[in-house]
Protein backbone atom coordinates (compact mmCIF):
# COMPACT_ATOMS: atom_id res chain seq x y z
CA MET A 1 -8.24 -20.98 -20.88
CA THR A 2 -5.24 -22.16 -22.84
CA GLU A 3 -1.91 -22.02 -21.93
CA THR A 4 -1.08 -19.26 -24.58
CA MET A 5 -3.70 -17.29 -23.13
CA VAL A 6 -2.39 -17.72 -19.40
CA GLN A 7 0.93 -16.73 -20.62
CA LEU A 8 -0.52 -13.64 -22.34
CA VAL A 9 -2.01 -12.51 -19.43
CA ASP A 10 0.80 -12.90 -16.94
CA VAL A 11 3.08 -10.81 -18.98
CA VAL A 12 0.59 -8.35 -19.51
CA LEU A 13 -0.06 -8.04 -15.65
CA LEU A 14 3.73 -7.91 -15.04
CA VAL A 15 4.50 -5.13 -17.39
CA LEU A 16 1.64 -3.18 -15.70
CA LEU A 17 3.12 -3.66 -12.13
CA ALA A 18 6.26 -3.43 -13.80
CA ILE A 19 5.11 0.38 -15.23
CA THR A 20 3.20 0.76 -11.82
CA GLY A 21 6.12 0.52 -9.60
CA ILE A 22 8.36 2.88 -11.55
CA ALA A 23 5.17 5.30 -11.13
CA VAL A 24 5.40 5.29 -7.63
CA ILE A 25 8.98 5.55 -7.33
CA ARG A 26 9.07 8.55 -9.44
CA THR A 27 5.97 10.43 -7.81
CA ARG A 28 6.06 13.22 -5.27
CA ASN A 29 2.44 13.46 -4.72
CA LEU A 30 1.65 11.40 -1.62
CA PHE A 31 -1.58 11.24 -2.32
CA VAL A 32 -0.94 9.45 -6.20
CA ALA A 33 1.71 7.52 -4.36
CA VAL A 34 -1.01 5.84 -2.55
CA MET A 35 -3.56 5.17 -4.96
CA LEU A 36 -0.53 3.70 -7.34
CA ALA A 37 0.31 1.75 -4.52
CA GLY A 38 -3.60 0.66 -4.07
CA ILE A 39 -3.37 -0.33 -8.28
CA TYR A 40 -0.12 -1.96 -7.44
CA SER A 41 -2.27 -4.46 -5.20
CA LEU A 42 -5.18 -4.81 -7.28
CA LEU A 43 -2.69 -6.28 -10.23
CA SER A 44 -1.38 -8.65 -7.52
CA ALA A 45 -4.16 -10.12 -6.78
CA GLY A 46 -5.16 -10.11 -10.53
CA LEU A 47 -1.63 -12.11 -10.54
CA PHE A 48 -2.41 -14.70 -7.84
CA VAL A 49 -5.92 -15.57 -9.45
CA VAL A 50 -4.13 -16.71 -12.73
CA MET A 51 -1.49 -18.68 -10.52
CA ASP A 52 -4.45 -20.18 -8.89
CA ALA A 53 -3.55 -18.74 -5.58
CA VAL A 54 -7.06 -17.43 -4.90
CA ASP A 55 -6.95 -17.33 -0.89
CA VAL A 56 -3.53 -15.14 -1.28
CA ALA A 57 -5.38 -12.52 -4.00
CA PHE A 58 -8.18 -12.45 -1.52
CA THR A 59 -6.06 -11.07 1.18
CA GLU A 60 -3.73 -9.00 -1.19
CA ALA A 61 -7.24 -7.32 -2.59
CA ALA A 62 -8.96 -6.98 0.76
CA VAL A 63 -5.33 -5.83 2.56
CA GLY A 64 -3.41 -4.37 0.16
CA ALA A 65 -6.11 -2.66 -2.02
CA GLY A 66 -8.59 -2.19 0.64
CA ILE A 67 -7.46 -1.18 4.07
CA SER A 68 -4.10 -0.45 3.42
CA THR A 69 -5.24 2.04 0.89
CA VAL A 70 -7.95 3.54 3.04
CA LEU A 71 -5.62 3.69 6.40
CA MET A 72 -2.72 5.58 4.51
CA LEU A 73 -5.27 8.16 2.88
CA GLY A 74 -6.43 8.45 6.96
CA THR A 75 -2.70 9.47 7.51
CA LEU A 76 -2.37 11.89 4.48
CA ALA A 77 -5.69 14.02 5.59
CA LEU A 78 -3.79 15.16 8.55
CA VAL A 79 0.28 15.25 7.19
CA GLY A 80 -0.82 16.71 4.01
CA TYR A 81 -0.25 15.23 0.38
CA LYS A 82 3.29 17.05 -0.54
CA GLU A 83 6.37 15.17 0.11
CA SER A 84 9.30 17.17 0.46
CA ALA A 85 12.17 17.47 -1.99
CA PRO A 86 15.08 15.35 -0.61
CA THR A 87 18.18 16.69 0.92
CA HIS A 88 20.64 14.17 -0.29
CA LYS A 89 20.90 11.98 -3.31
CA PRO A 90 19.49 8.19 -2.09
CA ILE A 91 23.06 6.33 -3.14
CA LEU A 92 22.63 4.37 0.20
CA PRO A 93 19.08 3.18 -0.35
CA LEU A 94 19.57 2.58 -3.77
CA PHE A 95 22.55 0.08 -3.28
CA VAL A 96 20.62 -1.57 -0.49
CA VAL A 97 17.55 -2.04 -2.92
CA LEU A 98 20.14 -3.86 -5.62
CA VAL A 99 22.09 -5.80 -3.10
CA THR A 100 18.80 -7.10 -1.47
CA GLY A 101 17.21 -7.74 -4.80
CA GLY A 102 20.15 -9.23 -5.84
CA ILE A 103 20.43 -11.65 -3.04
CA LEU A 104 16.50 -12.44 -3.64
CA VAL A 105 17.01 -13.44 -7.15
CA TYR A 106 20.19 -15.62 -6.18
CA GLY A 107 18.38 -17.10 -3.49
CA THR A 108 15.21 -17.97 -5.81
CA ALA A 109 17.22 -19.00 -8.87
CA GLU A 110 16.96 -22.87 -7.90
CA ILE A 111 13.56 -23.39 -7.03
CA PRO A 112 11.35 -25.51 -8.90
CA PRO A 113 9.18 -24.70 -11.85
CA PHE A 114 5.77 -23.33 -11.28
CA GLY A 115 3.14 -25.89 -11.50
CA GLY A 116 5.27 -28.60 -11.67
CA ALA A 117 3.71 -31.76 -10.58
CA ASP A 118 6.75 -33.36 -8.99
CA ASN A 119 7.56 -30.16 -6.64
CA PRO A 120 8.46 -31.14 -2.94
CA ALA A 121 5.38 -29.26 -1.82
CA HIS A 122 2.76 -31.23 -4.25
CA LYS A 123 4.36 -34.66 -3.43
CA HIS A 124 4.31 -34.08 0.49
CA VAL A 125 2.83 -31.49 2.38
CA ALA A 126 0.03 -30.74 -0.49
CA ALA A 127 -0.71 -34.82 -0.30
CA HIS A 128 -0.84 -34.25 3.36
CA TYR A 129 -2.77 -31.60 3.76
CA ILE A 130 -5.41 -33.00 1.07
CA HIS A 131 -5.91 -36.18 2.68
CA ASP A 132 -5.55 -35.37 6.56
CA SER A 133 -6.75 -31.74 7.32
CA GLU A 134 -10.36 -32.68 7.77
CA GLU A 135 -9.52 -34.92 10.64
CA GLU A 136 -6.74 -33.17 12.03
CA ILE A 137 -8.16 -29.33 12.07
CA GLY A 138 -11.74 -30.46 14.20
CA HIS A 139 -13.88 -31.80 10.53
CA ILE A 140 -13.39 -28.46 8.77
CA PRO A 141 -14.09 -29.43 4.75
CA ASN A 142 -12.05 -26.06 3.30
CA VAL A 143 -8.94 -27.18 3.08
CA VAL A 144 -7.20 -23.54 2.45
CA THR A 145 -9.23 -22.37 5.75
CA SER A 146 -7.34 -25.44 7.37
CA VAL A 147 -4.07 -23.85 6.28
CA LEU A 148 -4.37 -20.43 6.60
CA GLY A 149 -6.32 -20.57 10.34
CA SER A 150 -4.48 -24.04 11.80
CA TYR A 151 -0.99 -25.18 9.36
CA ARG A 152 -0.32 -21.30 8.87
CA GLY A 153 -1.69 -19.55 11.98
CA TYR A 154 1.36 -17.59 12.90
CA ASP A 155 1.60 -16.51 9.39
CA THR A 156 -1.66 -15.38 9.46
CA MET A 157 -1.63 -14.08 13.17
CA GLY A 158 1.55 -11.93 11.75
CA GLU A 159 -0.36 -10.55 9.13
CA THR A 160 -3.19 -9.37 11.12
CA ALA A 161 -1.29 -8.03 13.52
CA VAL A 162 0.11 -5.83 11.15
CA ILE A 163 -2.63 -4.43 9.66
CA PHE A 164 -4.10 -4.01 14.18
CA THR A 165 -0.85 -2.02 14.91
CA ALA A 166 -1.78 0.47 11.30
CA MET A 167 -5.21 0.72 12.21
CA VAL A 168 -4.03 1.72 15.63
CA GLY A 169 -1.58 4.40 14.55
CA VAL A 170 -4.13 6.01 12.42
CA LEU A 171 -6.21 6.49 15.44
CA LEU A 172 -3.56 7.64 17.67
CA LEU A 173 -3.19 10.27 14.69
CA LEU A 174 -6.94 10.90 14.94
CA SER A 175 -6.87 11.08 18.69
CA ARG A 176 -4.45 14.12 18.63
CA GLY A 177 -7.26 16.71 18.92
CA PRO A 178 -7.26 19.55 16.88
CA LEU A 179 -4.03 20.26 14.21
CA PRO A 180 -2.91 23.52 12.15
CA LYS A 181 -4.91 23.88 9.30
CA ARG A 182 -4.03 23.64 5.69
CA ILE A 183 -4.73 26.63 3.40
CA PHE A 184 -4.60 27.03 -0.33
CA HIS A 185 -1.94 29.89 -1.22
CA ALA A 186 -0.11 30.56 -4.07
CA GLY A 187 -0.61 27.27 -5.96
CA GLN A 188 0.14 24.85 -2.91
CA TRP A 189 -1.60 23.64 0.13
CA HIS A 190 -0.01 25.06 3.29
CA THR A 191 -0.11 24.25 7.37
CA VAL A 192 -0.45 27.11 8.88
CA LYS A 193 -1.15 27.88 12.69
CA ALA A 194 -4.84 29.56 13.71
CA GLY A 195 -4.49 33.29 13.44
CA THR A 196 -2.05 33.46 10.08
CA THR A 197 -3.39 36.08 7.98
CA ARG A 198 -3.09 36.43 4.20
CA GLU A 199 -0.62 38.96 4.70
CA ASP A 200 1.23 36.59 6.58
CA MET A 201 1.35 33.87 3.73
CA VAL A 202 2.41 36.51 1.08
CA ALA A 203 5.52 37.49 3.28
CA LYS A 204 5.97 33.59 3.88
CA PHE A 205 5.53 32.27 0.73
CA GLY A 206 4.96 35.35 -1.94
CA GLY A 207 1.43 35.36 -4.38
CA ASP A 208 -1.55 37.64 -4.38
CA ALA A 209 -2.52 38.45 -0.83
CA GLY A 210 -6.04 37.98 -1.89
CA PRO A 211 -8.84 38.81 0.78
CA ASP A 212 -7.86 39.48 4.11
CA GLU A 213 -9.10 36.35 6.01
CA THR A 214 -7.55 34.99 9.12
CA VAL A 215 -7.22 30.87 9.42
CA LYS A 216 -9.44 30.32 12.19
CA ASP A 217 -10.15 27.20 14.34
CA GLY A 218 -12.64 26.23 11.58
CA PRO A 219 -11.68 24.56 8.43
CA ALA A 220 -9.79 26.89 5.95
CA ARG A 221 -10.95 28.46 3.01
CA THR A 222 -9.41 28.86 -0.14
CA GLU A 223 -9.59 32.23 -1.85
CA GLY A 224 -12.43 30.13 -4.47
CA GLY A 225 -14.35 29.34 -1.33
CA ALA A 226 -13.67 25.71 -1.08
CA ASP A 227 -12.79 24.14 1.81
CA GLY A 228 -9.38 23.12 3.05
C-alpha cells in the first residue's frame, strides 16, 4: 500500500470516527448510542491496523466492539432504552471536556512524528525488546506477547480488571430477581409494576385504552401481541 493510499485511508477513518462520535453525543436513544459506540470502537480498530498496531487493534475490536457492547446491551435490557430529558444545560460538563481536550492537545504537541525512525522509543526501548525479550521473558518468541504479558503486565491487568468489573456489574443487575415489567403504550415503552391495567396507563400517560390487559408476572405484551 502506497503512502498516498495509507493517508487516504487515515483521513476516511478519522472522518467516520468524528461523524460517529458526534452522533453518539446527539442521540437520546440509549440502544442507538450503544451500537454507535461499538461502531466507533470498530473504526478505531481499523485505524490501529493502518498504524501497524495490530495487537491494540485486536484488543479494541474484542473489548470495545465486542464484550463492552454485549455488557451494555445486557444492562439496557433491564433499565430500558430511553434516556430521560436533561434537567439543566450541560455547561459545566462542556467546559470540563474543552479544558481536558486543550490540555491533551498541549501535552501531545511536541510528541515525535508518527513512524519516525529516530523516535526515542525506536532507538532505545524497541531495540531492547526485540533483542532481549526472548531471553528475559522465558524464551517467548513473540515480542508482542512479551510486551503485553510482562513488560506491560500491570497495564494489561488493569484492562482485564475493568472488563471483569463491568461483567460483575451486569451479573449483579441480572441477579436482582423479578423486576417491573415494561409495556408498550402510546408509542413508548414504560416500566410498570405487576397488576397495572390499561386504564391505569391511560390515566397516567394518555393514549387509547385498547384491550383491558393487566400486566402480570410474565412478559408484558403490546396491543399487537409482541413481547415487551
